Amino acid sequence: VYFTIPIMVIVLASIVSLILLVPYMPIIPILVPG
């Protein structure tokens, strides 16, 4: 769980950024998933 929590936070932050921030920062899809 000590690794699970930060992994979940990173994955969730990535999903949110891809959904909400792409119109403001088009470079996000190029860098965030990888």
PDB file of all heavy atoms in Angstrom:
ATOM      1  N   VAL A   1       0.820  -1.218   0.000  1.00  0.00           N
ATOM      2  CA  VAL A   1       0.000   0.000   0.000  1.00  0.00           C
ATOM      3  C   VAL A   1       0.851   1.263   0.000  1.00  0.00           C
ATOM      4  O   VAL A   1       0.428   2.300  -0.517  1.00  0.00           O
ATOM      5  CB  VAL A   1      -0.953  -0.010   1.225  1.00  0.00           C
ATOM      6  CG1 VAL A   1      -0.158   0.081   2.533  1.00  0.00           C
ATOM      7  CG2 VAL A   1      -1.976   1.106   1.116  1.00  0.00           C
ATOM      8  N   TYR A   2       2.080   1.183   0.531  1.00  0.00           N
ATOM      9  CA  TYR A   2       2.962   2.351   0.548  1.00  0.00           C
ATOM     10  C   TYR A   2       3.379   2.757  -0.855  1.00  0.00           C
ATOM     11  O   TYR A   2       3.770   3.907  -1.093  1.00  0.00           O
ATOM     12  CB  TYR A   2       4.192   2.069   1.413  1.00  0.00           C
ATOM     13  CG  TYR A   2       4.853   0.731   1.146  1.00  0.00           C
ATOM     14  CD1 TYR A   2       5.793   0.554   0.134  1.00  0.00           C
ATOM     15  CD2 TYR A   2       4.497  -0.392   1.911  1.00  0.00           C
ATOM     16  CE1 TYR A   2       6.367  -0.664  -0.111  1.00  0.00           C
ATOM     17  CE2 TYR A   2       5.078  -1.628   1.658  1.00  0.00           C
ATOM     18  CZ  TYR A   2       6.013  -1.760   0.653  1.00  0.00           C
ATOM     19  OH  TYR A   2       6.575  -2.989   0.398  1.00  0.00           O
ATOM     20  N   PHE A   3       3.297   1.832  -1.819  1.00  0.00           N
ATOM     21  CA  PHE A   3       3.521   2.158  -3.229  1.00  0.00           C
ATOM     22  C   PHE A   3       2.190   2.368  -3.950  1.00  0.00           C
ATOM     23  O   PHE A   3       2.102   3.140  -4.902  1.00  0.00           O
ATOM     24  CB  PHE A   3       4.302   1.060  -3.938  1.00  0.00           C
ATOM     25  CG  PHE A   3       5.784   1.093  -3.689  1.00  0.00           C
ATOM     26  CD1 PHE A   3       6.510  -0.081  -3.550  1.00  0.00           C
ATOM     27  CD2 PHE A   3       6.461   2.296  -3.601  1.00  0.00           C
ATOM     28  CE1 PHE A   3       7.885  -0.050  -3.322  1.00  0.00           C
ATOM     29  CE2 PHE A   3       7.832   2.346  -3.379  1.00  0.00           C
ATOM     30  CZ  PHE A   3       8.543   1.167  -3.241  1.00  0.00           C
ATOM     31  N   THR A   4       1.167   1.656  -3.501  1.00  0.00           N
ATOM     32  CA  THR A   4      -0.138   1.735  -4.153  1.00  0.00           C
ATOM     33  C   THR A   4      -0.697   3.145  -4.119  1.00  0.00           C
ATOM     34  O   THR A   4      -1.207   3.645  -5.131  1.00  0.00           O
ATOM     35  CB  THR A   4      -1.134   0.774  -3.479  1.00  0.00           C
ATOM     36  OG1 THR A   4      -0.637  -0.566  -3.559  1.00  0.00           O
ATOM     37  CG2 THR A   4      -2.492   0.850  -4.151  1.00  0.00           C
ATOM     38  N   ILE A   5      -0.592   3.800  -2.983  1.00  0.00           N
ATOM     39  CA  ILE A   5      -1.168   5.149  -2.846  1.00  0.00           C
ATOM     40  C   ILE A   5      -0.523   6.146  -3.812  1.00  0.00           C
ATOM     41  O   ILE A   5      -1.241   6.829  -4.556  1.00  0.00           O
ATOM     42  CB  ILE A   5      -1.070   5.631  -1.386  1.00  0.00           C
ATOM     43  CG1 ILE A   5      -1.987   4.777  -0.509  1.00  0.00           C
ATOM     44  CG2 ILE A   5      -1.452   7.108  -1.278  1.00  0.00           C
ATOM     45  CD1 ILE A   5      -1.885   5.085   0.977  1.00  0.00           C
ATOM     46  N   PRO A   6       0.813   6.272  -3.835  1.00  0.00           N
ATOM     47  CA  PRO A   6       1.393   7.225  -4.806  1.00  0.00           C
ATOM     48  C   PRO A   6       1.130   6.849  -6.256  1.00  0.00           C
ATOM     49  O   PRO A   6       0.947   7.727  -7.104  1.00  0.00           O
ATOM     50  CB  PRO A   6       2.893   7.197  -4.488  1.00  0.00           C
ATOM     51  CG  PRO A   6       3.128   5.971  -3.684  1.00  0.00           C
ATOM     52  CD  PRO A   6       1.854   5.717  -2.952  1.00  0.00           C
ATOM     53  N   ILE A   7       1.080   5.545  -6.565  1.00  0.00           N
ATOM     54  CA  ILE A   7       0.765   5.128  -7.935  1.00  0.00           C
ATOM     55  C   ILE A   7      -0.643   5.567  -8.301  1.00  0.00           C
ATOM     56  O   ILE A   7      -0.880   6.097  -9.400  1.00  0.00           O
ATOM     57  CB  ILE A   7       0.915   3.603  -8.081  1.00  0.00           C
ATOM     58  CG1 ILE A   7       2.397   3.200  -8.068  1.00  0.00           C
ATOM     59  CG2 ILE A   7       0.260   3.121  -9.377  1.00  0.00           C
ATOM     60  CD1 ILE A   7       2.637   1.704  -8.046  1.00  0.00           C
ATOM     61  N   MET A   8      -1.596   5.379  -7.397  1.00  0.00           N
ATOM     62  CA  MET A   8      -2.972   5.794  -7.651  1.00  0.00           C
ATOM     63  C   MET A   8      -3.065   7.301  -7.838  1.00  0.00           C
ATOM     64  O   MET A   8      -3.802   7.786  -8.702  1.00  0.00           O
ATOM     65  CB  MET A   8      -3.875   5.339  -6.502  1.00  0.00           C
ATOM     66  CG  MET A   8      -4.081   3.842  -6.427  1.00  0.00           C
ATOM     67  SD  MET A   8      -4.994   3.325  -4.938  1.00  0.00           S
ATOM     68  CE  MET A   8      -6.593   4.099  -5.213  1.00  0.00           C
ATOM     69  N   VAL A   9      -2.323   8.055  -7.043  1.00  0.00           N
ATOM     70  CA  VAL A   9      -2.339   9.521  -7.148  1.00  0.00           C
ATOM     71  C   VAL A   9      -1.804   9.960  -8.517  1.00  0.00           C
ATOM     72  O   VAL A   9      -2.382  10.832  -9.176  1.00  0.00           O
ATOM     73  CB  VAL A   9      -1.504  10.163  -6.024  1.00  0.00           C
ATOM     74  CG1 VAL A   9      -1.310  11.657  -6.274  1.00  0.00           C
ATOM     75  CG2 VAL A   9      -2.169   9.938  -4.674  1.00  0.00           C
ATOM     76  N   ILE A  10      -0.705   9.333  -8.955  1.00  0.00           N
ATOM     77  CA  ILE A  10      -0.111   9.677 -10.254  1.00  0.00           C
ATOM     78  C   ILE A  10      -1.066   9.341 -11.391  1.00  0.00           C
ATOM     79  O   ILE A  10      -1.268  10.146 -12.316  1.00  0.00           O
ATOM     80  CB  ILE A  10       1.230   8.936 -10.443  1.00  0.00           C
ATOM     81  CG1 ILE A  10       2.270   9.461  -9.455  1.00  0.00           C
ATOM     82  CG2 ILE A  10       1.734   9.108 -11.875  1.00  0.00           C
ATOM     83  CD1 ILE A  10       3.544   8.631  -9.413  1.00  0.00           C
ATOM     84  N   VAL A  11      -1.665   8.154 -11.337  1.00  0.00           N
ATOM     85  CA  VAL A  11      -2.593   7.740 -12.399  1.00  0.00           C
ATOM     86  C   VAL A  11      -3.809   8.656 -12.431  1.00  0.00           C
ATOM     87  O   VAL A  11      -4.247   9.096 -13.505  1.00  0.00           O
ATOM     88  CB  VAL A  11      -3.030   6.276 -12.195  1.00  0.00           C
ATOM     89  CG1 VAL A  11      -4.135   5.900 -13.189  1.00  0.00           C
ATOM     90  CG2 VAL A  11      -1.835   5.340 -12.353  1.00  0.00           C
ATOM     91  N   LEU A  12      -4.363   8.962 -11.252  1.00  0.00           N
ATOM     92  CA  LEU A  12      -5.541   9.835 -11.192  1.00  0.00           C
ATOM     93  C   LEU A  12      -5.216  11.233 -11.703  1.00  0.00           C
ATOM     94  O   LEU A  12      -5.994  11.828 -12.466  1.00  0.00           O
ATOM     95  CB  LEU A  12      -6.060   9.911  -9.757  1.00  0.00           C
ATOM     96  CG  LEU A  12      -7.318  10.764  -9.541  1.00  0.00           C
ATOM     97  CD1 LEU A  12      -8.474  10.209 -10.374  1.00  0.00           C
ATOM     98  CD2 LEU A  12      -7.691  10.804  -8.064  1.00  0.00           C
ATOM     99  N   ALA A  13      -4.055  11.771 -11.300  1.00  0.00           N
ATOM    100  CA  ALA A  13      -3.644  13.093 -11.768  1.00  0.00           C
ATOM    101  C   ALA A  13      -3.471  13.103 -13.284  1.00  0.00           C
ATOM    102  O   ALA A  13      -3.809  14.092 -13.955  1.00  0.00           O
ATOM    103  CB  ALA A  13      -2.339  13.512 -11.080  1.00  0.00           C
ATOM    104  N   SER A  14      -2.959  12.003 -13.836  1.00  0.00           N
ATOM    105  CA  SER A  14      -2.782  11.910 -15.287  1.00  0.00           C
ATOM    106  C   SER A  14      -4.123  11.912 -16.006  1.00  0.00           C
ATOM    107  O   SER A  14      -4.300  12.592 -17.024  1.00  0.00           O
ATOM    108  CB  SER A  14      -2.003  10.637 -15.636  1.00  0.00           C
ATOM    109  OG  SER A  14      -0.739  10.626 -15.013  1.00  0.00           O
ATOM    110  N   ILE A  15      -5.079  11.154 -15.468  1.00  0.00           N
ATOM    111  CA  ILE A  15      -6.409  11.092 -16.085  1.00  0.00           C
ATOM    112  C   ILE A  15      -7.083  12.463 -16.057  1.00  0.00           C
ATOM    113  O   ILE A  15      -7.647  12.924 -17.053  1.00  0.00           O
ATOM    114  CB  ILE A  15      -7.286  10.058 -15.363  1.00  0.00           C
ATOM    115  CG1 ILE A  15      -6.710   8.648 -15.565  1.00  0.00           C
ATOM    116  CG2 ILE A  15      -8.728  10.116 -15.862  1.00  0.00           C
ATOM    117  CD1 ILE A  15      -7.395   7.579 -14.739  1.00  0.00           C
ATOM    118  N   VAL A  16      -7.009  13.121 -14.906  1.00  0.00           N
ATOM    119  CA  VAL A  16      -7.630  14.450 -14.756  1.00  0.00           C
ATOM    120  C   VAL A  16      -6.992  15.453 -15.711  1.00  0.00           C
ATOM    121  O   VAL A  16      -7.691  16.248 -16.359  1.00  0.00           O
ATOM    122  CB  VAL A  16      -7.504  14.938 -13.298  1.00  0.00           C
ATOM    123  CG1 VAL A  16      -7.951  16.394 -13.181  1.00  0.00           C
ATOM    124  CG2 VAL A  16      -8.332  14.063 -12.369  1.00  0.00           C
ATOM    125  N   SER A  17      -5.660  15.428 -15.806  1.00  0.00           N
ATOM    126  CA  SER A  17      -4.974  16.375 -16.689  1.00  0.00           C
ATOM    127  C   SER A  17      -5.330  16.132 -18.155  1.00  0.00           C
ATOM    128  O   SER A  17      -5.504  17.083 -18.928  1.00  0.00           O
ATOM    129  CB  SER A  17      -3.460  16.281 -16.495  1.00  0.00           C
ATOM    130  OG  SER A  17      -2.964  15.020 -16.901  1.00  0.00           O
ATOM    131  N   LEU A  18      -5.468  14.854 -18.545  1.00  0.00           N
ATOM    132  CA  LEU A  18      -5.817  14.544 -19.927  1.00  0.00           C
ATOM    133  C   LEU A  18      -7.247  14.959 -20.263  1.00  0.00           C
ATOM    134  O   LEU A  18      -7.555  15.306 -21.405  1.00  0.00           O
ATOM    135  CB  LEU A  18      -5.641  13.043 -20.190  1.00  0.00           C
ATOM    136  CG  LEU A  18      -4.206  12.543 -20.313  1.00  0.00           C
ATOM    137  CD1 LEU A  18      -4.160  11.026 -20.320  1.00  0.00           C
ATOM    138  CD2 LEU A  18      -3.550  13.086 -21.581  1.00  0.00           C
ATOM    139  N   ILE A  19      -8.122  14.944 -19.270  1.00  0.00           N
ATOM    140  CA  ILE A  19      -9.520  15.296 -19.504  1.00  0.00           C
ATOM    141  C   ILE A  19      -9.763  16.795 -19.421  1.00  0.00           C
ATOM    142  O   ILE A  19     -10.466  17.372 -20.258  1.00  0.00           O
ATOM    143  CB  ILE A  19     -10.433  14.563 -18.492  1.00  0.00           C
ATOM    144  CG1 ILE A  19     -10.382  13.050 -18.734  1.00  0.00           C
ATOM    145  CG2 ILE A  19     -11.878  15.063 -18.603  1.00  0.00           C
ATOM    146  CD1 ILE A  19     -11.140  12.243 -17.697  1.00  0.00           C
ATOM    147  N   LEU A  20      -9.148  17.443 -18.424  1.00  0.00           N
ATOM    148  CA  LEU A  20      -9.485  18.836 -18.134  1.00  0.00           C
ATOM    149  C   LEU A  20      -8.489  19.872 -18.652  1.00  0.00           C
ATOM    150  O   LEU A  20      -8.877  21.004 -18.957  1.00  0.00           O
ATOM    151  CB  LEU A  20      -9.646  19.018 -16.617  1.00  0.00           C
ATOM    152  CG  LEU A  20     -10.725  18.165 -15.943  1.00  0.00           C
ATOM    153  CD1 LEU A  20     -10.751  18.454 -14.448  1.00  0.00           C
ATOM    154  CD2 LEU A  20     -12.093  18.426 -16.569  1.00  0.00           C
ATOM    155  N   LEU A  21      -7.220  19.502 -18.745  1.00  0.00           N
ATOM    156  CA  LEU A  21      -6.206  20.515 -19.033  1.00  0.00           C
ATOM    157  C   LEU A  21      -5.734  20.568 -20.479  1.00  0.00           C
ATOM    158  O   LEU A  21      -4.991  21.480 -20.854  1.00  0.00           O
ATOM    159  CB  LEU A  21      -4.991  20.296 -18.113  1.00  0.00           C
ATOM    160  CG  LEU A  21      -5.256  20.377 -16.614  1.00  0.00           C
ATOM    161  CD1 LEU A  21      -3.960  20.177 -15.838  1.00  0.00           C
ATOM    162  CD2 LEU A  21      -5.909  21.704 -16.246  1.00  0.00           C
ATOM    163  N   VAL A  22      -6.126  19.596 -21.287  1.00  0.00           N
ATOM    164  CA  VAL A  22      -5.655  19.564 -22.683  1.00  0.00           C
ATOM    165  C   VAL A  22      -5.998  20.848 -23.452  1.00  0.00           C
ATOM    166  O   VAL A  22      -5.158  21.352 -24.207  1.00  0.00           O
ATOM    167  CB  VAL A  22      -6.224  18.332 -23.415  1.00  0.00           C
ATOM    168  CG1 VAL A  22      -5.934  18.412 -24.909  1.00  0.00           C
ATOM    169  CG2 VAL A  22      -5.614  17.063 -22.832  1.00  0.00           C
ATOM    170  N   PRO A  23      -7.217  21.416 -23.297  1.00  0.00           N
ATOM    171  CA  PRO A  23      -7.510  22.657 -24.037  1.00  0.00           C
ATOM    172  C   PRO A  23      -6.571  23.812 -23.695  1.00  0.00           C
ATOM    173  O   PRO A  23      -6.350  24.697 -24.521  1.00  0.00           O
ATOM    174  CB  PRO A  23      -8.952  22.981 -23.617  1.00  0.00           C
ATOM    175  CG  PRO A  23      -9.522  21.668 -23.209  1.00  0.00           C
ATOM    176  CD  PRO A  23      -8.389  20.942 -22.555  1.00  0.00           C
ATOM    177  N   TYR A  24      -6.027  23.798 -22.482  1.00  0.00           N
ATOM    178  CA  TYR A  24      -5.149  24.891 -22.052  1.00  0.00           C
ATOM    179  C   TYR A  24      -3.673  24.561 -22.274  1.00  0.00           C
ATOM    180  O   TYR A  24      -2.851  25.467 -22.423  1.00  0.00           O
ATOM    181  CB  TYR A  24      -5.392  25.185 -20.575  1.00  0.00           C
ATOM    182  CG  TYR A  24      -6.845  25.401 -20.236  1.00  0.00           C
ATOM    183  CD1 TYR A  24      -7.607  24.371 -19.667  1.00  0.00           C
ATOM    184  CD2 TYR A  24      -7.472  26.606 -20.509  1.00  0.00           C
ATOM    185  CE1 TYR A  24      -8.951  24.560 -19.368  1.00  0.00           C
ATOM    186  CE2 TYR A  24      -8.818  26.802 -20.212  1.00  0.00           C
ATOM    187  CZ  TYR A  24      -9.537  25.775 -19.647  1.00  0.00           C
ATOM    188  OH  TYR A  24     -10.861  25.959 -19.363  1.00  0.00           O
ATOM    189  N   MET A  25      -3.346  23.273 -22.282  1.00  0.00           N
ATOM    190  CA  MET A  25      -1.954  22.831 -22.467  1.00  0.00           C
ATOM    191  C   MET A  25      -1.941  21.663 -23.457  1.00  0.00           C
ATOM    192  O   MET A  25      -1.953  20.499 -23.051  1.00  0.00           O
ATOM    193  CB  MET A  25      -1.335  22.418 -21.127  1.00  0.00           C
ATOM    194  CG  MET A  25      -1.293  23.533 -20.094  1.00  0.00           C
ATOM    195  SD  MET A  25      -0.626  22.960 -18.497  1.00  0.00           S
ATOM    196  CE  MET A  25       1.060  22.551 -18.986  1.00  0.00           C
ATOM    197  N   PRO A  26      -1.926  21.949 -24.748  1.00  0.00           N
ATOM    198  CA  PRO A  26      -2.000  20.888 -25.766  1.00  0.00           C
ATOM    199  C   PRO A  26      -0.850  19.890 -25.706  1.00  0.00           C
ATOM    200  O   PRO A  26      -0.953  18.804 -26.283  1.00  0.00           O
ATOM    201  CB  PRO A  26      -1.963  21.678 -27.088  1.00  0.00           C
ATOM    202  CG  PRO A  26      -2.433  23.052 -26.733  1.00  0.00           C
ATOM    203  CD  PRO A  26      -1.934  23.297 -25.345  1.00  0.00           C
ATOM    204  N   ILE A  27       0.232  20.232 -25.030  1.00  0.00           N
ATOM    205  CA  ILE A  27       1.385  19.323 -24.972  1.00  0.00           C
ATOM    206  C   ILE A  27       1.163  18.160 -24.013  1.00  0.00           C
ATOM    207  O   ILE A  27       1.891  17.163 -24.038  1.00  0.00           O
ATOM    208  CB  ILE A  27       2.652  20.099 -24.553  1.00  0.00           C
ATOM    209  CG1 ILE A  27       3.911  19.279 -24.898  1.00  0.00           C
ATOM    210  CG2 ILE A  27       2.618  20.434 -23.063  1.00  0.00           C
ATOM    211  CD1 ILE A  27       5.195  20.014 -24.665  1.00  0.00           C
ATOM    212  N   ILE A  28       0.132  18.246 -23.177  1.00  0.00           N
ATOM    213  CA  ILE A  28      -0.120  17.223 -22.162  1.00  0.00           C
ATOM    214  C   ILE A  28      -0.255  15.817 -22.754  1.00  0.00           C
ATOM    215  O   ILE A  28       0.355  14.866 -22.251  1.00  0.00           O
ATOM    216  CB  ILE A  28      -1.361  17.591 -21.318  1.00  0.00           C
ATOM    217  CG1 ILE A  28      -0.982  18.682 -20.304  1.00  0.00           C
ATOM    218  CG2 ILE A  28      -1.917  16.360 -20.584  1.00  0.00           C
ATOM    219  CD1 ILE A  28      -2.120  19.136 -19.423  1.00  0.00           C
ATOM    220  N   PRO A  29      -1.043  15.612 -23.832  1.00  0.00           N
ATOM    221  CA  PRO A  29      -1.160  14.243 -24.375  1.00  0.00           C
ATOM    222  C   PRO A  29       0.159  13.684 -24.882  1.00  0.00           C
ATOM    223  O   PRO A  29       0.328  12.466 -24.958  1.00  0.00           O
ATOM    224  CB  PRO A  29      -2.154  14.412 -25.531  1.00  0.00           C
ATOM    225  CG  PRO A  29      -2.899  15.659 -25.219  1.00  0.00           C
ATOM    226  CD  PRO A  29      -1.920  16.559 -24.537  1.00  0.00           C
ATOM    227  N   ILE A  30       1.099  14.558 -25.223  1.00  0.00           N
ATOM    228  CA  ILE A  30       2.376  14.096 -25.752  1.00  0.00           C
ATOM    229  C   ILE A  30       3.311  13.602 -24.656  1.00  0.00           C
ATOM    230  O   ILE A  30       4.121  12.704 -24.881  1.00  0.00           O
ATOM    231  CB  ILE A  30       3.063  15.230 -26.552  1.00  0.00           C
ATOM    232  CG1 ILE A  30       2.164  15.664 -27.714  1.00  0.00           C
ATOM    233  CG2 ILE A  30       4.425  14.783 -27.083  1.00  0.00           C
ATOM    234  CD1 ILE A  30       2.717  16.833 -28.505  1.00  0.00           C
ATOM    235  N   LEU A  31       3.164  14.155 -23.458  1.00  0.00           N
ATOM    236  CA  LEU A  31       4.109  13.840 -22.393  1.00  0.00           C
ATOM    237  C   LEU A  31       3.522  13.044 -21.230  1.00  0.00           C
ATOM    238  O   LEU A  31       4.197  12.210 -20.645  1.00  0.00           O
ATOM    239  CB  LEU A  31       4.725  15.139 -21.841  1.00  0.00           C
ATOM    240  CG  LEU A  31       5.630  15.926 -22.793  1.00  0.00           C
ATOM    241  CD1 LEU A  31       6.128  17.197 -22.111  1.00  0.00           C
ATOM    242  CD2 LEU A  31       6.800  15.086 -23.262  1.00  0.00           C
ATOM    243  N   VAL A  32       2.262  13.272 -20.902  1.00  0.00           N
ATOM    244  CA  VAL A  32       1.708  12.717 -19.664  1.00  0.00           C
ATOM    245  C   VAL A  32       1.632  11.193 -19.641  1.00  0.00           C
ATOM    246  O   VAL A  32       2.114  10.569 -18.676  1.00  0.00           O
ATOM    247  CB  VAL A  32       0.329  13.337 -19.366  1.00  0.00           C
ATOM    248  CG1 VAL A  32      -0.395  12.548 -18.263  1.00  0.00           C
ATOM    249  CG2 VAL A  32       0.497  14.785 -18.914  1.00  0.00           C
ATOM    250  N   PRO A  33       1.041  10.504 -20.633  1.00  0.00           N
ATOM    251  CA  PRO A  33       0.927   9.039 -20.519  1.00  0.00           C
ATOM    252  C   PRO A  33       2.268   8.339 -20.340  1.00  0.00           C
ATOM    253  O   PRO A  33       2.429   7.508 -19.437  1.00  0.00           O
ATOM    254  CB  PRO A  33       0.260   8.644 -21.849  1.00  0.00           C
ATOM    255  CG  PRO A  33      -0.481   9.863 -22.271  1.00  0.00           C
ATOM    256  CD  PRO A  33       0.389  11.010 -21.864  1.00  0.00           C
ATOM    257  N   GLY A  34       3.239   8.660 -21.186  1.00  0.00           N
ATOM    258  CA  GLY A  34       4.548   8.021 -21.088  1.00  0.00           C
ATOM    259  C   GLY A  34       5.290   8.374 -19.823  1.00  0.00           C
ATOM    260  O   GLY A  34       5.900   7.511 -19.183  1.00  0.00           O
TER     261      GLY A  34
END
